Amino acid sequence: MQPVTDDSIALKGTARKLLPSETAAFRDHLMRLDAASRQFRFAHAVSDGFIEDYAVHMSDMGSIVFGYFIDGEMHAAAELRKLGDHWGKAAEAAFSVEKAYQDLGIGSLLMGKVIRAARNRGVHLVYMSCLADNGRMQNIAQKHEASLKLEYGEVIGEIVPTTADYFSIMAEAMEDRVGYMLAVLDLQTRLVKAA
């Protein structure tokens, strides 16, 4: 794998919502996580079988998943899960970034999208939990004004999104339209690579 630089990310990467049909891209990204990144994402070691099952059910539980793509391949993910049967007071956020793409601002970019998605769904509190030694996740949370507290060996972050307005709703709607077109282009890129 070639080293990744800020310049290559800025020129090539796109962040967008995943379509429900993109479970394979989500799965492939999670499979490429090294052992430490997997443990940071799931708070414990997980098997390939666990990841297969997790990815298949990506949108079953009302999640919104954002991916970061370069040349049609997903290298980072941010998930927003509703707590309960419908979008309401609280939701949970989770992130994963492949090792070669860490420390480039991708997690912070995706965090902003998750917070806006929560805001537009009337969520008043976004929870994040990470292992106490996951400094990267804690830094991202602090950049987005999360309050952090240590509980039972994990750090719990809480973010209070501002109330949705016309501009936040329109921005998400426009990004969704562009994201759909980018999803089609990403699919074409993957098909060409496979041929």
Protein backbone atom coordinates (compact mmCIF):
# COMPACT_ATOMS: atom_id res chain seq x y z
CA MET A 1 0.00 0.00 0.00
CA GLN A 2 1.36 3.41 -0.92
CA PRO A 3 1.71 6.00 1.83
CA VAL A 4 -1.17 8.43 1.98
CA THR A 5 -0.57 12.17 2.11
CA ASP A 6 -2.87 15.07 2.90
CA ASP A 7 -2.61 16.21 -0.72
CA SER A 8 -3.77 12.88 -2.14
CA ILE A 9 -6.72 12.79 0.28
CA ALA A 10 -7.75 16.36 -0.56
CA LEU A 11 -7.67 15.64 -4.28
CA LYS A 12 -9.21 12.18 -4.38
CA GLY A 13 -11.48 11.57 -1.42
CA THR A 14 -15.24 11.98 -1.17
CA ALA A 15 -17.43 11.56 1.91
CA ARG A 16 -21.05 10.53 1.43
CA LYS A 17 -23.91 8.48 2.84
CA LEU A 18 -23.92 4.84 1.93
CA LEU A 19 -26.84 3.40 0.07
CA PRO A 20 -28.47 0.32 1.64
CA SER A 21 -27.08 -1.70 -1.29
CA GLU A 22 -23.47 -0.84 -0.37
CA THR A 23 -23.03 -3.35 2.44
CA ALA A 24 -20.11 -4.95 0.56
CA ALA A 25 -18.14 -1.67 0.56
CA PHE A 26 -18.83 -1.28 4.29
CA ARG A 27 -17.83 -4.90 4.98
CA ASP A 28 -14.65 -4.64 2.92
CA HIS A 29 -13.63 -1.50 4.81
CA LEU A 30 -14.22 -3.14 8.20
CA MET A 31 -12.31 -6.26 7.08
CA ARG A 32 -9.28 -4.12 6.18
CA LEU A 33 -9.07 -2.63 9.68
CA ASP A 34 -5.95 -3.79 11.50
CA ALA A 35 -6.40 -5.53 14.88
CA ALA A 36 -5.97 -2.33 16.92
CA SER A 37 -8.42 -0.36 14.75
CA ARG A 38 -10.98 -3.18 14.99
CA GLN A 39 -10.65 -3.19 18.76
CA PHE A 40 -11.02 0.60 18.92
CA ARG A 41 -14.12 0.44 16.71
CA PHE A 42 -15.93 -2.39 18.52
CA ALA A 43 -14.33 -2.04 22.01
CA HIS A 44 -13.12 -5.66 21.80
CA ALA A 45 -11.55 -8.06 19.32
CA VAL A 46 -13.99 -9.25 16.64
CA SER A 47 -13.83 -12.03 14.08
CA ASP A 48 -14.31 -11.78 10.33
CA GLY A 49 -17.63 -13.59 10.79
CA PHE A 50 -18.81 -10.93 13.22
CA ILE A 51 -17.90 -8.22 10.69
CA GLU A 52 -19.72 -10.07 7.87
CA ASP A 53 -22.88 -10.20 9.98
CA TYR A 54 -22.52 -6.61 11.22
CA ALA A 55 -22.15 -5.24 7.70
CA VAL A 56 -25.13 -7.18 6.33
CA HIS A 57 -27.32 -5.49 8.94
CA MET A 58 -25.83 -2.03 8.37
CA SER A 59 -29.15 -0.32 7.71
CA ASP A 60 -31.53 -2.74 9.47
CA MET A 61 -31.39 -0.89 12.76
CA GLY A 62 -32.10 2.56 11.41
CA SER A 63 -28.47 3.52 11.03
CA ILE A 64 -27.11 6.17 8.76
CA VAL A 65 -23.63 5.28 7.56
CA PHE A 66 -21.23 7.72 5.93
CA GLY A 67 -18.22 6.45 4.03
CA TYR A 68 -15.02 8.05 2.85
CA PHE A 69 -14.12 6.85 -0.65
CA ILE A 70 -10.99 7.11 -2.75
CA ASP A 71 -11.12 5.73 -6.30
CA GLY A 72 -14.34 3.85 -5.52
CA GLU A 73 -12.96 2.15 -2.39
CA MET A 74 -14.20 2.95 1.10
CA HIS A 75 -11.48 3.63 3.71
CA ALA A 76 -13.42 5.13 6.63
CA ALA A 77 -16.93 4.96 8.07
CA ALA A 78 -19.05 6.91 10.50
CA GLU A 79 -22.32 5.50 11.80
CA LEU A 80 -25.25 7.21 13.46
CA ARG A 81 -27.62 4.79 15.19
CA LYS A 82 -30.95 5.75 16.68
CA LEU A 83 -31.56 4.60 20.23
CA GLY A 84 -35.03 3.11 20.26
CA ASP A 85 -37.57 2.57 17.53
CA HIS A 86 -37.48 6.07 16.05
CA TRP A 87 -35.27 9.13 15.88
CA GLY A 88 -35.70 10.96 19.13
CA LYS A 89 -33.76 12.48 21.95
CA ALA A 90 -30.56 10.45 21.67
CA ALA A 91 -28.43 8.58 19.15
CA GLU A 92 -25.05 6.87 19.12
CA ALA A 93 -22.10 7.56 16.84
CA ALA A 94 -19.25 5.20 15.92
CA PHE A 95 -16.24 5.59 13.62
CA SER A 96 -13.57 3.54 11.90
CA VAL A 97 -10.64 4.67 9.76
CA GLU A 98 -8.13 2.34 8.15
CA LYS A 99 -4.61 2.73 9.52
CA ALA A 100 -3.08 4.29 6.38
CA TYR A 101 -5.78 6.99 6.42
CA GLN A 102 -5.66 7.98 10.08
CA ASP A 103 -4.51 11.42 11.28
CA LEU A 104 -5.57 13.11 8.03
CA GLY A 105 -8.78 14.77 9.24
CA ILE A 106 -11.13 12.15 7.76
CA GLY A 107 -12.62 11.25 11.16
CA SER A 108 -13.34 14.91 11.92
CA LEU A 109 -14.93 15.39 8.49
CA LEU A 110 -17.19 12.39 9.02
CA MET A 111 -18.02 13.50 12.57
CA GLY A 112 -19.35 16.79 11.18
CA LYS A 113 -21.65 14.87 8.83
CA VAL A 114 -22.89 12.65 11.66
CA ILE A 115 -23.65 15.64 13.86
CA ARG A 116 -25.57 17.38 11.08
CA ALA A 117 -27.54 14.19 10.34
CA ALA A 118 -28.43 13.92 14.04
CA ARG A 119 -29.39 17.59 14.14
CA ASN A 120 -31.67 17.22 11.12
CA ARG A 121 -33.45 14.27 12.75
CA GLY A 122 -34.20 16.13 15.96
CA VAL A 123 -31.59 14.32 18.03
CA HIS A 124 -30.68 16.32 21.13
CA LEU A 125 -27.76 14.21 22.33
CA VAL A 126 -25.18 12.15 20.42
CA TYR A 127 -23.30 9.58 22.48
CA MET A 128 -19.92 8.16 21.58
CA SER A 129 -17.98 5.66 23.60
CA CYS A 130 -14.39 4.62 23.09
CA LEU A 131 -11.68 2.83 24.95
CA ALA A 132 -9.72 5.01 27.35
CA ASP A 133 -6.57 4.67 25.22
CA ASN A 134 -8.27 5.73 21.96
CA GLY A 135 -6.78 9.23 21.87
CA ARG A 136 -7.70 9.81 18.22
CA MET A 137 -11.41 9.39 18.88
CA GLN A 138 -11.23 11.59 21.96
CA ASN A 139 -9.46 14.32 19.95
CA ILE A 140 -12.15 14.19 17.26
CA ALA A 141 -14.88 14.40 19.90
CA GLN A 142 -13.21 17.40 21.55
CA LYS A 143 -12.90 19.19 18.19
CA HIS A 144 -16.68 18.93 17.99
CA GLU A 145 -17.18 20.24 21.53
CA ALA A 146 -18.05 16.93 23.17
CA SER A 147 -18.03 16.64 26.91
CA LEU A 148 -15.95 13.58 27.86
CA LYS A 149 -16.11 11.48 31.00
CA LEU A 150 -14.47 8.22 32.05
CA GLU A 151 -16.83 5.36 32.95
CA TYR A 152 -15.71 1.78 33.63
CA GLY A 153 -12.56 2.03 31.50
CA GLU A 154 -14.29 3.71 28.57
CA VAL A 155 -14.56 7.35 27.65
CA ILE A 156 -18.11 8.51 26.99
CA GLY A 157 -18.53 11.57 24.81
CA GLU A 158 -21.72 13.59 24.61
CA ILE A 159 -22.42 16.12 21.87
CA VAL A 160 -25.44 18.38 21.86
CA PRO A 161 -26.29 19.29 18.25
CA THR A 162 -27.91 22.64 17.54
CA THR A 163 -31.49 22.68 16.30
CA ALA A 164 -32.01 21.96 12.61
CA ASP A 165 -32.72 24.86 10.31
CA TYR A 166 -33.45 25.36 6.62
CA PHE A 167 -29.76 25.53 5.73
CA SER A 168 -28.75 22.33 7.54
CA ILE A 169 -31.64 20.41 5.99
CA MET A 170 -30.95 21.76 2.48
CA ALA A 171 -27.22 21.07 2.80
CA GLU A 172 -27.90 17.43 3.69
CA ALA A 173 -30.46 17.08 0.90
CA MET A 174 -28.03 18.49 -1.68
CA GLU A 175 -25.22 16.26 -0.45
CA ASP A 176 -27.54 13.25 -0.69
CA ARG A 177 -28.24 14.02 -4.36
CA VAL A 178 -24.56 14.43 -5.13
CA GLY A 179 -23.79 11.36 -3.00
CA TYR A 180 -26.13 9.23 -5.10
CA MET A 181 -24.30 10.25 -8.28
CA LEU A 182 -20.95 9.56 -6.58
CA ALA A 183 -22.23 6.13 -5.52
CA VAL A 184 -22.94 5.32 -9.16
CA LEU A 185 -19.45 6.48 -10.14
CA ASP A 186 -17.90 4.46 -7.30
CA LEU A 187 -19.78 1.38 -8.51
CA GLN A 188 -18.48 1.93 -12.03
CA THR A 189 -14.93 2.29 -10.70
CA ARG A 190 -15.23 -0.97 -8.77
CA LEU A 191 -16.63 -2.77 -11.82
CA VAL A 192 -13.78 -1.53 -14.01
CA LYS A 193 -11.21 -2.65 -11.41
CA ALA A 194 -12.86 -6.08 -11.22
CA ALA A 195 -12.85 -6.55 -15.03
